[in-house]
PDB file of N, CA and C in Angstrom:
ATOM      1  N   MET A   1     -41.016-126.402 -77.759  1.00  0.00           N
ATOM      2  CA  MET A   1     -41.278-125.608 -78.012  1.00  0.00           C
ATOM      3  C   MET A   1     -41.928-124.123 -76.730  1.00  0.00           C
ATOM      4  N   GLN A   2     -41.375-122.924 -76.855  1.00  0.00           N
ATOM      5  CA  GLN A   2     -41.831-121.462 -75.943  1.00  0.00           C
ATOM      6  C   GLN A   2     -43.014-121.656 -75.892  1.00  0.00           C
ATOM      7  N   PRO A   3     -43.570-120.973 -74.357  1.00  0.00           N
ATOM      8  CA  PRO A   3     -45.152-120.792 -74.482  1.00  0.00           C
ATOM      9  C   PRO A   3     -44.893-119.449 -75.361  1.00  0.00           C
ATOM     10  N   PRO A   4     -46.229-118.978 -75.088  1.00  0.00           N
ATOM     11  CA  PRO A   4     -46.580-117.686 -76.548  1.00  0.00           C
ATOM     12  C   PRO A   4     -46.015-116.885 -75.880  1.00  0.00           C
ATOM     13  N   TYR A   5     -46.362-116.825 -74.447  1.00  0.00           N
ATOM     14  CA  TYR A   5     -45.898-115.340 -73.645  1.00  0.00           C
ATOM     15  C   TYR A   5     -44.615-115.127 -74.019  1.00  0.00           C
ATOM     16  N   ILE A   6     -43.318-116.082 -73.684  1.00  0.00           N
ATOM     17  CA  ILE A   6     -41.934-116.128 -73.903  1.00  0.00           C
ATOM     18  C   ILE A   6     -41.823-115.762 -75.437  1.00  0.00           C
ATOM     19  N   GLN A   7     -42.317-116.666 -76.393  1.00  0.00           N
ATOM     20  CA  GLN A   7     -42.688-116.059 -78.320  1.00  0.00           C
ATOM     21  C   GLN A   7     -42.235-114.685 -78.404  1.00  0.00           C
ATOM     22  N   GLU A   8     -43.269-114.286 -77.229  1.00  0.00           N
ATOM     23  CA  GLU A   8     -43.525-112.523 -77.839  1.00  0.00           C
ATOM     24  C   GLU A   8     -42.304-111.686 -77.072  1.00  0.00           C
ATOM     25  N   ARG A   9     -42.206-112.202 -76.352  1.00  0.00           N
ATOM     26  CA  ARG A   9     -40.977-111.375 -75.746  1.00  0.00           C
ATOM     27  C   ARG A   9     -39.927-111.471 -75.851  1.00  0.00           C
ATOM     28  N   LEU A  10     -39.382-112.700 -76.684  1.00  0.00           N
ATOM     29  CA  LEU A  10     -38.516-112.903 -77.864  1.00  0.00           C
ATOM     30  C   LEU A  10     -38.426-112.561 -79.018  1.00  0.00           C
ATOM     31  N   LYS A  11     -40.030-112.083 -79.556  1.00  0.00           N
ATOM     32  CA  LYS A  11     -39.575-111.345 -81.310  1.00  0.00           C
ATOM     33  C   LYS A  11     -39.584-110.323 -80.813  1.00  0.00           C
ATOM     34  N   SER A  12     -39.811-109.411 -79.533  1.00  0.00           N
ATOM     35  CA  SER A  12     -39.944-108.010 -78.972  1.00  0.00           C
ATOM     36  C   SER A  12     -38.841-107.291 -78.714  1.00  0.00           C
ATOM     37  N   LEU A  13     -37.948-108.693 -78.181  1.00  0.00           N
ATOM     38  CA  LEU A  13     -36.311-108.406 -78.340  1.00  0.00           C
ATOM     39  C   LEU A  13     -35.646-108.248 -79.652  1.00  0.00           C
ATOM     40  N   ASN A  14     -35.631-109.167 -80.395  1.00  0.00           N
ATOM     41  CA  ASN A  14     -35.327-109.782 -81.380  1.00  0.00           C
ATOM     42  C   ASN A  14     -36.187-107.519 -82.432  1.00  0.00           C
ATOM     43  N   ASP A  15     -36.905-107.331 -82.194  1.00  0.00           N
ATOM     44  CA  ASP A  15     -37.453-106.598 -82.927  1.00  0.00           C
ATOM     45  C   ASP A  15     -36.377-105.196 -82.445  1.00  0.00           C
ATOM     46  N   ILE A  16     -35.928-104.579 -81.199  1.00  0.00           N
ATOM     47  CA  ILE A  16     -35.310-104.083 -80.640  1.00  0.00           C
ATOM     48  C   ILE A  16     -34.129-104.660 -80.895  1.00  0.00           C
ATOM     49  N   GLU A  17     -33.156-105.550 -80.876  1.00  0.00           N
ATOM     50  CA  GLU A  17     -32.053-105.690 -81.428  1.00  0.00           C
ATOM     51  C   GLU A  17     -31.677-105.152 -83.184  1.00  0.00           C
ATOM     52  N   THR A  18     -32.586-105.435 -83.819  1.00  0.00           N
ATOM     53  CA  THR A  18     -32.761-105.052 -84.967  1.00  0.00           C
ATOM     54  C   THR A  18     -32.496-103.106 -85.655  1.00  0.00           C
ATOM     55  N   GLN A  19     -33.356-102.633 -83.957  1.00  0.00           N
ATOM     56  CA  GLN A  19     -33.479-101.419 -84.554  1.00  0.00           C
ATOM     57  C   GLN A  19     -32.195-100.745 -84.005  1.00  0.00           C
ATOM     58  N   LEU A  20     -31.639-101.298 -82.665  1.00  0.00           N
ATOM     59  CA  LEU A  20     -30.355-100.780 -82.254  1.00  0.00           C
ATOM     60  C   LEU A  20     -29.072-101.095 -83.623  1.00  0.00           C
ATOM     61  N   CYS A  21     -29.653-101.926 -84.407  1.00  0.00           N
ATOM     62  CA  CYS A  21     -28.547-102.035 -85.466  1.00  0.00           C
ATOM     63  C   CYS A  21     -28.446-100.869 -86.696  1.00  0.00           C
ATOM     64  N   SER A  22     -29.918-100.790 -86.378  1.00  0.00           N
ATOM     65  CA  SER A  22     -30.132 -99.696 -87.202  1.00  0.00           C
ATOM     66  C   SER A  22     -29.686 -99.015 -87.362  1.00  0.00           C
ATOM     67  N   MET A  23     -29.787 -98.149 -85.973  1.00  0.00           N
ATOM     68  CA  MET A  23     -29.966 -97.143 -85.358  1.00  0.00           C
ATOM     69  C   MET A  23     -27.755 -96.947 -85.367  1.00  0.00           C
ATOM     70  N   LEU A  24     -27.264 -98.085 -85.150  1.00  0.00           N
ATOM     71  CA  LEU A  24     -25.837 -97.742 -85.183  1.00  0.00           C
ATOM     72  C   LEU A  24     -25.217 -97.436 -86.750  1.00  0.00           C
ATOM     73  N   GLN A  25     -26.297 -98.087 -87.616  1.00  0.00           N
ATOM     74  CA  GLN A  25     -25.821 -98.084 -89.651  1.00  0.00           C
ATOM     75  C   GLN A  25     -26.182 -96.220 -89.518  1.00  0.00           C
ATOM     76  N   GLU A  26     -27.351 -95.935 -89.121  1.00  0.00           N
ATOM     77  CA  GLU A  26     -27.198 -94.313 -88.853  1.00  0.00           C
ATOM     78  C   GLU A  26     -26.060 -93.524 -88.333  1.00  0.00           C
ATOM     79  N   ALA A  27     -26.007 -94.132 -87.413  1.00  0.00           N
ATOM     80  CA  ALA A  27     -24.499 -92.992 -86.228  1.00  0.00           C
ATOM     81  C   ALA A  27     -23.138 -93.565 -87.467  1.00  0.00           C
ATOM     82  N   SER A  28     -23.110 -94.431 -88.142  1.00  0.00           N
ATOM     83  CA  SER A  28     -22.166 -94.861 -88.766  1.00  0.00           C
ATOM     84  C   SER A  28     -22.161 -93.631 -90.355  1.00  0.00           C
ATOM     85  N   GLN A  29     -23.482 -93.325 -90.360  1.00  0.00           N
ATOM     86  CA  GLN A  29     -23.418 -92.538 -92.114  1.00  0.00           C
ATOM     87  C   GLN A  29     -23.507 -90.858 -90.920  1.00  0.00           C
ATOM     88  N   VAL A  30     -23.740 -90.945 -90.011  1.00  0.00           N
ATOM     89  CA  VAL A  30     -23.765 -89.678 -89.528  1.00  0.00           C
ATOM     90  C   VAL A  30     -22.469 -88.888 -89.941  1.00  0.00           C
ATOM     91  N   THR A  31     -21.297 -90.067 -89.239  1.00  0.00           N
ATOM     92  CA  THR A  31     -19.945 -89.894 -88.841  1.00  0.00           C
ATOM     93  C   THR A  31     -19.353 -89.489 -90.250  1.00  0.00           C
ATOM     94  N   PHE A  32     -19.756 -90.629 -91.301  1.00  0.00           N
ATOM     95  CA  PHE A  32     -19.111 -90.560 -93.099  1.00  0.00           C
ATOM     96  C   PHE A  32     -19.176 -88.878 -92.984  1.00  0.00           C
ATOM     97  N   ILE A  33     -20.956 -88.887 -92.819  1.00  0.00           N
ATOM     98  CA  ILE A  33     -21.391 -86.606 -93.907  1.00  0.00           C
ATOM     99  C   ILE A  33     -20.010 -85.855 -92.759  1.00  0.00           C
ATOM    100  N   PHE A  34     -20.298 -86.326 -91.812  1.00  0.00           N
ATOM    101  CA  PHE A  34     -19.997 -84.758 -90.875  1.00  0.00           C
ATOM    102  C   PHE A  34     -18.316 -84.931 -91.280  1.00  0.00           C
ATOM    103  N   GLY A  35     -17.548 -85.824 -91.813  1.00  0.00           N
ATOM    104  CA  GLY A  35     -16.678 -85.904 -92.315  1.00  0.00           C
ATOM    105  C   GLY A  35     -16.424 -84.932 -93.716  1.00  0.00           C
ATOM    106  N   GLU A  36     -17.708 -85.357 -94.283  1.00  0.00           N
ATOM    107  CA  GLU A  36     -17.407 -84.804 -95.566  1.00  0.00           C
ATOM    108  C   GLU A  36     -17.970 -83.053 -95.372  1.00  0.00           C
ATOM    109  N   LEU A  37     -19.075 -82.998 -94.211  1.00  0.00           N
ATOM    110  CA  LEU A  37     -18.744 -81.269 -94.305  1.00  0.00           C
ATOM    111  C   LEU A  37     -17.633 -80.872 -94.024  1.00  0.00           C
ATOM    112  N   LYS A  38     -17.160 -81.590 -92.909  1.00  0.00           N
ATOM    113  CA  LYS A  38     -15.644 -80.716 -92.125  1.00  0.00           C
ATOM    114  C   LYS A  38     -15.112 -80.375 -93.337  1.00  0.00           C
ATOM    115  N   ARG A  39     -14.900 -81.679 -94.395  1.00  0.00           N
ATOM    116  CA  ARG A  39     -14.388 -80.950 -95.800  1.00  0.00           C
ATOM    117  C   ARG A  39     -14.820 -79.908 -96.719  1.00  0.00           C
ATOM    118  N   GLY A  40     -15.764 -79.389 -96.360  1.00  0.00           N
ATOM    119  CA  GLY A  40     -16.194 -78.177 -96.641  1.00  0.00           C
ATOM    120  C   GLY A  40     -17.679 -78.947 -98.270  1.00  0.00           C
ATOM    121  N   ASN A  41     -17.492 -79.933 -98.377  1.00  0.00           N
ATOM    122  CA  ASN A  41     -18.612 -79.952 -98.901  1.00  0.00           C
ATOM    123  C   ASN A  41     -20.028 -80.207 -98.240  1.00  0.00           C
ATOM    124  N   GLU A  42     -20.725 -79.180 -99.022  1.00  0.00           N
ATOM    125  CA  GLU A  42     -22.073 -78.433 -97.333  1.00  0.00           C
ATOM    126  C   GLU A  42     -23.025 -79.347 -98.474  1.00  0.00           C
ATOM    127  N   SER A  43     -22.796 -79.662 -99.243  1.00  0.00           N
ATOM    128  CA  SER A  43     -23.861 -80.291-100.483  1.00  0.00           C
ATOM    129  C   SER A  43     -24.906 -81.611 -99.785  1.00  0.00           C
ATOM    130  N   VAL A  44     -24.381 -81.896 -98.651  1.00  0.00           N
ATOM    131  CA  VAL A  44     -24.780 -83.295 -98.189  1.00  0.00           C
ATOM    132  C   VAL A  44     -25.184 -83.036 -96.545  1.00  0.00           C
ATOM    133  N   LYS A  45     -25.454 -81.710 -96.598  1.00  0.00           N
ATOM    134  CA  LYS A  45     -25.890 -81.127 -94.951  1.00  0.00           C
ATOM    135  C   LYS A  45     -27.443 -81.361 -94.776  1.00  0.00           C
ATOM    136  N   PRO A  46     -27.950 -81.472 -95.970  1.00  0.00           N
ATOM    137  CA  PRO A  46     -29.541 -81.787 -95.734  1.00  0.00           C
ATOM    138  C   PRO A  46     -29.774 -83.556 -95.608  1.00  0.00           C
ATOM    139  N   GLN A  47     -28.296 -84.189 -96.194  1.00  0.00           N
ATOM    140  CA  GLN A  47     -28.497 -86.014 -95.678  1.00  0.00           C
ATOM    141  C   GLN A  47     -27.586 -86.090 -94.502  1.00  0.00           C
ATOM    142  N   PHE A  48     -27.387 -85.090 -93.959  1.00  0.00           N
ATOM    143  CA  PHE A  48     -26.753 -85.173 -92.462  1.00  0.00           C
ATOM    144  C   PHE A  48     -27.808 -85.083 -91.069  1.00  0.00           C
ATOM    145  N   GLU A  49     -29.071 -83.645 -91.442  1.00  0.00           N
ATOM    146  CA  GLU A  49     -29.982 -83.545 -91.327  1.00  0.00           C
ATOM    147  C   GLU A  49     -31.007 -84.763 -90.662  1.00  0.00           C
ATOM    148  N   ASN A  50     -30.755 -85.120 -91.573  1.00  0.00           N
ATOM    149  CA  ASN A  50     -31.560 -86.651 -92.375  1.00  0.00           C
ATOM    150  C   ASN A  50     -31.213 -87.745 -90.986  1.00  0.00           C
ATOM    151  N   HIS A  51     -30.207 -88.448 -91.134  1.00  0.00           N
ATOM    152  CA  HIS A  51     -29.916 -88.958 -91.125  1.00  0.00           C
ATOM    153  C   HIS A  51     -29.212 -88.850 -89.100  1.00  0.00           C
ATOM    154  N   VAL A  52     -29.367 -87.572 -88.852  1.00  0.00           N
ATOM    155  CA  VAL A  52     -29.254 -87.822 -87.524  1.00  0.00           C
ATOM    156  C   VAL A  52     -30.401 -87.439 -86.909  1.00  0.00           C
ATOM    157  N   LYS A  53     -31.510 -87.163 -87.441  1.00  0.00           N
ATOM    158  CA  LYS A  53     -33.152 -87.270 -87.346  1.00  0.00           C
ATOM    159  C   LYS A  53     -33.469 -88.519 -87.264  1.00  0.00           C
ATOM    160  N   GLN A  54     -32.954 -89.683 -87.700  1.00  0.00           N
ATOM    161  CA  GLN A  54     -33.234 -90.710 -88.052  1.00  0.00           C
ATOM    162  C   GLN A  54     -32.584 -91.645 -86.799  1.00  0.00           C
ATOM    163  N   PHE A  55     -31.203 -91.483 -86.585  1.00  0.00           N
ATOM    164  CA  PHE A  55     -31.040 -91.760 -85.239  1.00  0.00           C
ATOM    165  C   PHE A  55     -31.104 -91.363 -83.965  1.00  0.00           C
ATOM    166  N   TYR A  56     -31.859 -90.398 -84.100  1.00  0.00           N
ATOM    167  CA  TYR A  56     -33.095 -89.782 -82.527  1.00  0.00           C
ATOM    168  C   TYR A  56     -34.380 -90.689 -82.680  1.00  0.00           C
ATOM    169  N   GLU A  57     -34.424 -90.631 -83.760  1.00  0.00           N
ATOM    170  CA  GLU A  57     -36.090 -91.584 -83.523  1.00  0.00           C
ATOM    171  C   GLU A  57     -35.428 -93.140 -83.453  1.00  0.00           C
ATOM    172  N   ARG A  58     -34.466 -93.557 -84.393  1.00  0.00           N
ATOM    173  CA  ARG A  58     -34.734 -94.762 -83.161  1.00  0.00           C
ATOM    174  C   ARG A  58     -34.040 -95.200 -82.171  1.00  0.00           C
ATOM    175  N   LEU A  59     -33.381 -94.226 -82.012  1.00  0.00           N
ATOM    176  CA  LEU A  59     -32.798 -94.460 -80.188  1.00  0.00           C
ATOM    177  C   LEU A  59     -34.051 -93.997 -79.451  1.00  0.00           C
ATOM    178  N   ASP A  60     -35.198 -93.074 -79.993  1.00  0.00           N
ATOM    179  CA  ASP A  60     -36.136 -93.283 -78.625  1.00  0.00           C
ATOM    180  C   ASP A  60     -36.758 -94.199 -78.548  1.00  0.00           C
ATOM    181  N   LYS A  61     -37.532 -94.962 -79.973  1.00  0.00           N
ATOM    182  CA  LYS A  61     -38.185 -95.632 -79.913  1.00  0.00           C
ATOM    183  C   LYS A  61     -37.677 -97.266 -79.917  1.00  0.00           C
ATOM    184  N   SER A  62     -36.152 -97.599 -79.525  1.00  0.00           N
ATOM    185  CA  SER A  62     -35.960 -98.840 -79.096  1.00  0.00           C
ATOM    186  C   SER A  62     -35.856 -98.434 -77.858  1.00  0.00           C
ATOM    187  N   THR A  63     -35.907 -97.301 -77.401  1.00  0.00           N
ATOM    188  CA  THR A  63     -35.431 -97.312 -75.732  1.00  0.00           C
ATOM    189  C   THR A  63     -36.826 -97.352 -74.797  1.00  0.00           C
ATOM    190  N   THR A  64     -37.352 -96.565 -75.672  1.00  0.00           N
ATOM    191  CA  THR A  64     -39.255 -96.895 -75.333  1.00  0.00           C
ATOM    192  C   THR A  64     -39.154 -97.996 -75.245  1.00  0.00           C
ATOM    193  N   GLN A  65     -39.373 -99.252 -76.238  1.00  0.00           N
ATOM    194  CA  GLN A  65     -39.151-100.203 -76.296  1.00  0.00           C
ATOM    195  C   GLN A  65     -39.066-101.097 -75.391  1.00  0.00           C
ATOM    196  N   LEU A  66     -37.510-101.326 -74.817  1.00  0.00           N
ATOM    197  CA  LEU A  66     -37.050-101.957 -74.273  1.00  0.00           C
ATOM    198  C   LEU A  66     -37.213-102.108 -72.935  1.00  0.00           C
ATOM    199  N   ARG A  67     -37.788-100.313 -72.672  1.00  0.00           N
ATOM    200  CA  ARG A  67     -38.036-100.272 -70.867  1.00  0.00           C
ATOM    201  C   ARG A  67     -39.562-100.611 -71.070  1.00  0.00           C
ATOM    202  N   LYS A  68     -39.968-100.728 -71.929  1.00  0.00           N
ATOM    203  CA  LYS A  68     -41.014-101.905 -71.669  1.00  0.00           C
ATOM    204  C   LYS A  68     -41.181-103.095 -71.490  1.00  0.00           C
ATOM    205  N   GLU A  69     -40.703-103.358 -72.366  1.00  0.00           N
ATOM    206  CA  GLU A  69     -39.905-105.405 -71.849  1.00  0.00           C
ATOM    207  C   GLU A  69     -39.107-105.215 -70.675  1.00  0.00           C
ATOM    208  N   ILE A  70     -38.519-104.620 -70.537  1.00  0.00           N
ATOM    209  CA  ILE A  70     -38.022-104.756 -68.542  1.00  0.00           C
ATOM    210  C   ILE A  70     -39.036-104.305 -67.462  1.00  0.00           C
ATOM    211  N   GLN A  71     -39.842-103.559 -67.985  1.00  0.00           N
ATOM    212  CA  GLN A  71     -41.233-103.132 -67.459  1.00  0.00           C
ATOM    213  C   GLN A  71     -42.301-104.392 -67.081  1.00  0.00           C
ATOM    214  N   LEU A  72     -42.165-105.095 -68.130  1.00  0.00           N
ATOM    215  CA  LEU A  72     -43.171-106.761 -68.291  1.00  0.00           C
ATOM    216  C   LEU A  72     -41.876-107.763 -67.818  1.00  0.00           C
ATOM    217  N   LEU A  73     -40.739-107.640 -67.482  1.00  0.00           N
ATOM    218  CA  LEU A  73     -40.642-108.483 -66.878  1.00  0.00           C
ATOM    219  C   LEU A  73     -39.997-108.226 -66.153  1.00  0.00           C
ATOM    220  N   ASP A  74     -40.145-107.194 -64.980  1.00  0.00           N
ATOM    221  CA  ASP A  74     -40.523-107.042 -63.532  1.00  0.00           C
ATOM    222  C   ASP A  74     -41.517-107.267 -62.718  1.00  0.00           C
ATOM    223  N   GLU A  75     -42.977-107.518 -64.077  1.00  0.00           N
ATOM    224  CA  GLU A  75     -44.136-107.469 -63.559  1.00  0.00           C
ATOM    225  C   GLU A  75     -43.924-109.226 -63.219  1.00  0.00           C
ATOM    226  N   ASN A  76     -43.345-109.649 -63.892  1.00  0.00           N
ATOM    227  CA  ASN A  76     -44.141-110.975 -64.301  1.00  0.00           C
ATOM    228  C   ASN A  76     -42.674-112.067 -63.995  1.00  0.00           C
ATOM    229  N   VAL A  77     -41.894-111.756 -63.168  1.00  0.00           N
ATOM    230  CA  VAL A  77     -40.851-112.360 -62.263  1.00  0.00           C
ATOM    231  C   VAL A  77     -41.915-112.418 -61.120  1.00  0.00           C
ATOM    232  N   GLY A  78     -41.426-114.014 -60.458  1.00  0.00           N
ATOM    233  CA  GLY A  78     -42.528-114.573 -59.500  1.00  0.00           C
ATOM    234  C   GLY A  78     -43.476-115.037 -60.010  1.00  0.00           C
ATOM    235  N   THR A  79     -44.011-114.670 -61.466  1.00  0.00           N
ATOM    236  CA  THR A  79     -45.299-115.677 -61.268  1.00  0.00           C
ATOM    237  C   THR A  79     -45.677-116.318 -62.950  1.00  0.00           C
ATOM    238  N   ARG A  80     -45.117-115.674 -64.066  1.00  0.00           N
ATOM    239  CA  ARG A  80     -45.210-116.457 -65.122  1.00  0.00           C
ATOM    240  C   ARG A  80     -43.720-116.985 -65.673  1.00  0.00           C
ATOM    241  N   LEU A  81     -42.846-116.049 -64.832  1.00  0.00           N
ATOM    242  CA  LEU A  81     -40.857-116.366 -64.833  1.00  0.00           C
ATOM    243  C   LEU A  81     -40.776-116.445 -63.343  1.00  0.00           C
ATOM    244  N   LEU A  82     -40.033-117.713 -63.256  1.00  0.00           N
ATOM    245  CA  LEU A  82     -39.451-118.146 -62.141  1.00  0.00           C
ATOM    246  C   LEU A  82     -38.382-117.691 -61.619  1.00  0.00           C
ATOM    247  N   PRO A  83     -37.981-117.205 -60.162  1.00  0.00           N
ATOM    248  CA  PRO A  83     -37.106-115.944 -60.119  1.00  0.00           C
ATOM    249  C   PRO A  83     -35.965-117.412 -60.453  1.00  0.00           C
ATOM    250  N   ILE A  84     -34.275-117.006 -60.767  1.00  0.00           N
ATOM    251  CA  ILE A  84     -33.700-117.461 -61.226  1.00  0.00           C
ATOM    252  C   ILE A  84     -32.570-117.057 -60.288  1.00  0.00           C
ATOM    253  N   ASN A  85     -32.288-118.413 -59.282  1.00  0.00           N
ATOM    254  CA  ASN A  85     -31.241-118.390 -58.515  1.00  0.00           C
ATOM    255  C   ASN A  85     -29.801-118.663 -59.096  1.00  0.00           C
ATOM    256  N   VAL A  86     -28.932-117.672 -59.281  1.00  0.00           N
ATOM    257  CA  VAL A  86     -27.341-117.613 -59.742  1.00  0.00           C
ATOM    258  C   VAL A  86     -26.700-118.251 -58.822  1.00  0.00           C
ATOM    259  N   ASN A  87     -25.939-119.550 -59.022  1.00  0.00           N
ATOM    260  CA  ASN A  87     -24.981-119.724 -58.042  1.00  0.00           C
ATOM    261  C   ASN A  87     -22.926-120.605 -59.036  1.00  0.00           C
ATOM    262  N   LYS A  88     -22.142-119.061 -58.513  1.00  0.00           N
ATOM    263  CA  LYS A  88     -20.792-119.315 -59.152  1.00  0.00           C
ATOM    264  C   LYS A  88     -20.679-120.199 -58.999  1.00  0.00           C
ATOM    265  N   LYS A  89     -19.857-121.208 -59.820  1.00  0.00           N
ATOM    266  CA  LYS A  89     -19.241-122.176 -59.531  1.00  0.00           C
ATOM    267  C   LYS A  89     -17.871-122.381 -59.937  1.00  0.00           C
ATOM    268  N   ALA A  90     -17.434-121.128 -61.085  1.00  0.00           N
ATOM    269  CA  ALA A  90     -16.226-121.571 -61.448  1.00  0.00           C
ATOM    270  C   ALA A  90     -15.184-119.827 -60.593  1.00  0.00           C
ATOM    271  N   LEU A  91     -15.024-120.167 -60.142  1.00  0.00           N
ATOM    272  CA  LEU A  91     -15.131-118.542 -59.331  1.00  0.00           C
ATOM    273  C   LEU A  91     -13.484-118.789 -59.465  1.00  0.00           C
ATOM    274  N   GLY A  92     -12.629-117.431 -59.569  1.00  0.00           N
ATOM    275  CA  GLY A  92     -11.691-117.624 -60.248  1.00  0.00           C
ATOM    276  C   GLY A  92     -11.120-117.827 -61.516  1.00  0.00           C
ATOM    277  N   GLN A  93     -11.670-118.660 -62.683  1.00  0.00           N
ATOM    278  CA  GLN A  93     -11.386-119.257 -63.798  1.00  0.00           C
ATOM    279  C   GLN A  93     -11.286-117.751 -64.556  1.00  0.00           C
ATOM    280  N   ASP A  94     -12.004-117.236 -64.646  1.00  0.00           N
ATOM    281  CA  ASP A  94     -12.105-115.643 -65.581  1.00  0.00           C
ATOM    282  C   ASP A  94     -11.004-115.043 -65.395  1.00  0.00           C
ATOM    283  N   THR A  95     -10.198-114.989 -64.112  1.00  0.00           N
ATOM    284  CA  THR A  95      -9.357-114.254 -64.166  1.00  0.00           C
ATOM    285  C   THR A  95      -8.029-114.655 -64.718  1.00  0.00           C
ATOM    286  N   GLU A  96      -8.147-116.139 -64.187  1.00  0.00           N
ATOM    287  CA  GLU A  96      -6.963-117.376 -64.593  1.00  0.00           C
ATOM    288  C   GLU A  96      -6.603-116.792 -66.497  1.00  0.00           C
ATOM    289  N   LYS A  97      -7.516-117.492 -66.802  1.00  0.00           N
ATOM    290  CA  LYS A  97      -8.212-117.054 -68.292  1.00  0.00           C
ATOM    291  C   LYS A  97      -7.281-115.526 -68.837  1.00  0.00           C
ATOM    292  N   MET A  98      -7.762-114.248 -68.228  1.00  0.00           N
ATOM    293  CA  MET A  98      -7.903-113.073 -68.597  1.00  0.00           C
ATOM    294  C   MET A  98      -6.212-112.599 -68.653  1.00  0.00           C
ATOM    295  N   GLU A  99      -5.274-113.153 -67.327  1.00  0.00           N
ATOM    296  CA  GLU A  99      -4.382-113.373 -67.101  1.00  0.00           C
ATOM    297  C   GLU A  99      -3.286-114.708 -67.903  1.00  0.00           C
ATOM    298  N   GLU A 100      -3.840-115.268 -68.341  1.00  0.00           N
ATOM    299  CA  GLU A 100      -3.380-115.954 -69.776  1.00  0.00           C
ATOM    300  C   GLU A 100      -2.803-115.713 -70.578  1.00  0.00           C
ATOM    301  N   GLN A 101      -4.489-115.181 -71.347  1.00  0.00           N
ATOM    302  CA  GLN A 101      -4.566-114.618 -72.489  1.00  0.00           C
ATOM    303  C   GLN A 101      -3.197-113.289 -72.335  1.00  0.00           C
ATOM    304  N   LEU A 102      -3.275-112.493 -71.424  1.00  0.00           N
ATOM    305  CA  LEU A 102      -2.377-111.247 -71.513  1.00  0.00           C
ATOM    306  C   LEU A 102      -0.706-111.993 -70.947  1.00  0.00           C
ATOM    307  N   ASP A 103      -0.501-112.749 -70.626  1.00  0.00           N
ATOM    308  CA  ASP A 103       0.883-113.401 -70.585  1.00  0.00           C
ATOM    309  C   ASP A 103       1.006-113.481 -72.707  1.00  0.00           C
ATOM    310  N   LEU A 104       0.164-114.392 -73.079  1.00  0.00           N
ATOM    311  CA  LEU A 104       0.628-114.426 -74.583  1.00  0.00           C
ATOM    312  C   LEU A 104       0.525-113.034 -75.473  1.00  0.00           C
ATOM    313  N   LEU A 105      -0.258-112.224 -75.016  1.00  0.00           N
ATOM    314  CA  LEU A 105      -0.009-111.153 -75.910  1.00  0.00           C
ATOM    315  C   LEU A 105       1.231-110.350 -75.186  1.00  0.00           C
ATOM    316  N   SER A 106       1.827-110.095 -74.163  1.00  0.00           N
ATOM    317  CA  SER A 106       3.178-109.844 -73.804  1.00  0.00           C
ATOM    318  C   SER A 106       3.908-110.662 -74.725  1.00  0.00           C
ATOM    319  N   ALA A 107       3.860-111.933 -74.605  1.00  0.00           N
ATOM    320  CA  ALA A 107       4.922-112.949 -75.338  1.00  0.00           C
ATOM    321  C   ALA A 107       4.710-112.639 -77.022  1.00  0.00           C
ATOM    322  N   ILE A 108       3.771-112.366 -77.295  1.00  0.00           N
ATOM    323  CA  ILE A 108       3.518-111.377 -78.643  1.00  0.00           C
ATOM    324  C   ILE A 108       4.360-110.524 -79.122  1.00  0.00           C
ATOM    325  N   LEU A 109       4.203-109.462 -77.927  1.00  0.00           N
ATOM    326  CA  LEU A 109       4.880-108.105 -78.007  1.00  0.00           C
ATOM    327  C   LEU A 109       5.705-108.067 -78.062  1.00  0.00           C
ATOM    328  N   ASP A 110       6.128-108.387 -76.992  1.00  0.00           N
ATOM    329  CA  ASP A 110       8.017-108.957 -76.952  1.00  0.00           C
ATOM    330  C   ASP A 110       8.275-109.898 -76.520  1.00  0.00           C
ATOM    331  N   PRO A 111       8.953-110.201 -77.076  1.00  0.00           N
ATOM    332  CA  PRO A 111       9.351-111.952 -76.643  1.00  0.00           C
ATOM    333  C   PRO A 111      10.175-111.497 -75.741  1.00  0.00           C
ATOM    334  N   SER A 112      11.360-110.884 -75.668  1.00  0.00           N
ATOM    335  CA  SER A 112      12.787-110.682 -74.248  1.00  0.00           C
ATOM    336  C   SER A 112      11.811-111.222 -73.267  1.00  0.00           C
ATOM    337  N   LYS A 113      10.427-110.311 -72.984  1.00  0.00           N
ATOM    338  CA  LYS A 113      10.007-110.533 -71.214  1.00  0.00           C
ATOM    339  C   LYS A 113       9.326-111.705 -71.013  1.00  0.00           C
ATOM    340  N   SER A 114       8.956-112.546 -71.932  1.00  0.00           N
ATOM    341  CA  SER A 114       7.952-113.923 -71.756  1.00  0.00           C
ATOM    342  C   SER A 114       8.351-114.352 -70.381  1.00  0.00           C
ATOM    343  N   LYS A 115       7.580-115.165 -70.262  1.00  0.00           N
ATOM    344  CA  LYS A 115       7.533-115.903 -68.635  1.00  0.00           C
ATOM    345  C   LYS A 115       8.686-116.856 -69.329  1.00  0.00           C
TER     346      LYS A 115
END
């Protein structure tokens, strides 16, 4: 089981993620309703304004909370959290895999140019 501090951070990050997903839903609604407004449907203007307002409120809240979490992380590195030393062990494998996938895609799109 995680220490209480870590559990609190994970819960907070989960809440931020939920807010960001909700913000994306609002952005989707704004886009849809904007299309309706462009078609001349003026009756949806109050809904458009409401969704834009909700989008910005959620954006503000989630960025504020995320900034707080980053600040807490900065303050606790070296005290509650051990500094992490990351060593790259698989250098070049990501490039090789990407090239392999691009070759497969090229072969699918244009079979005459396959290697």
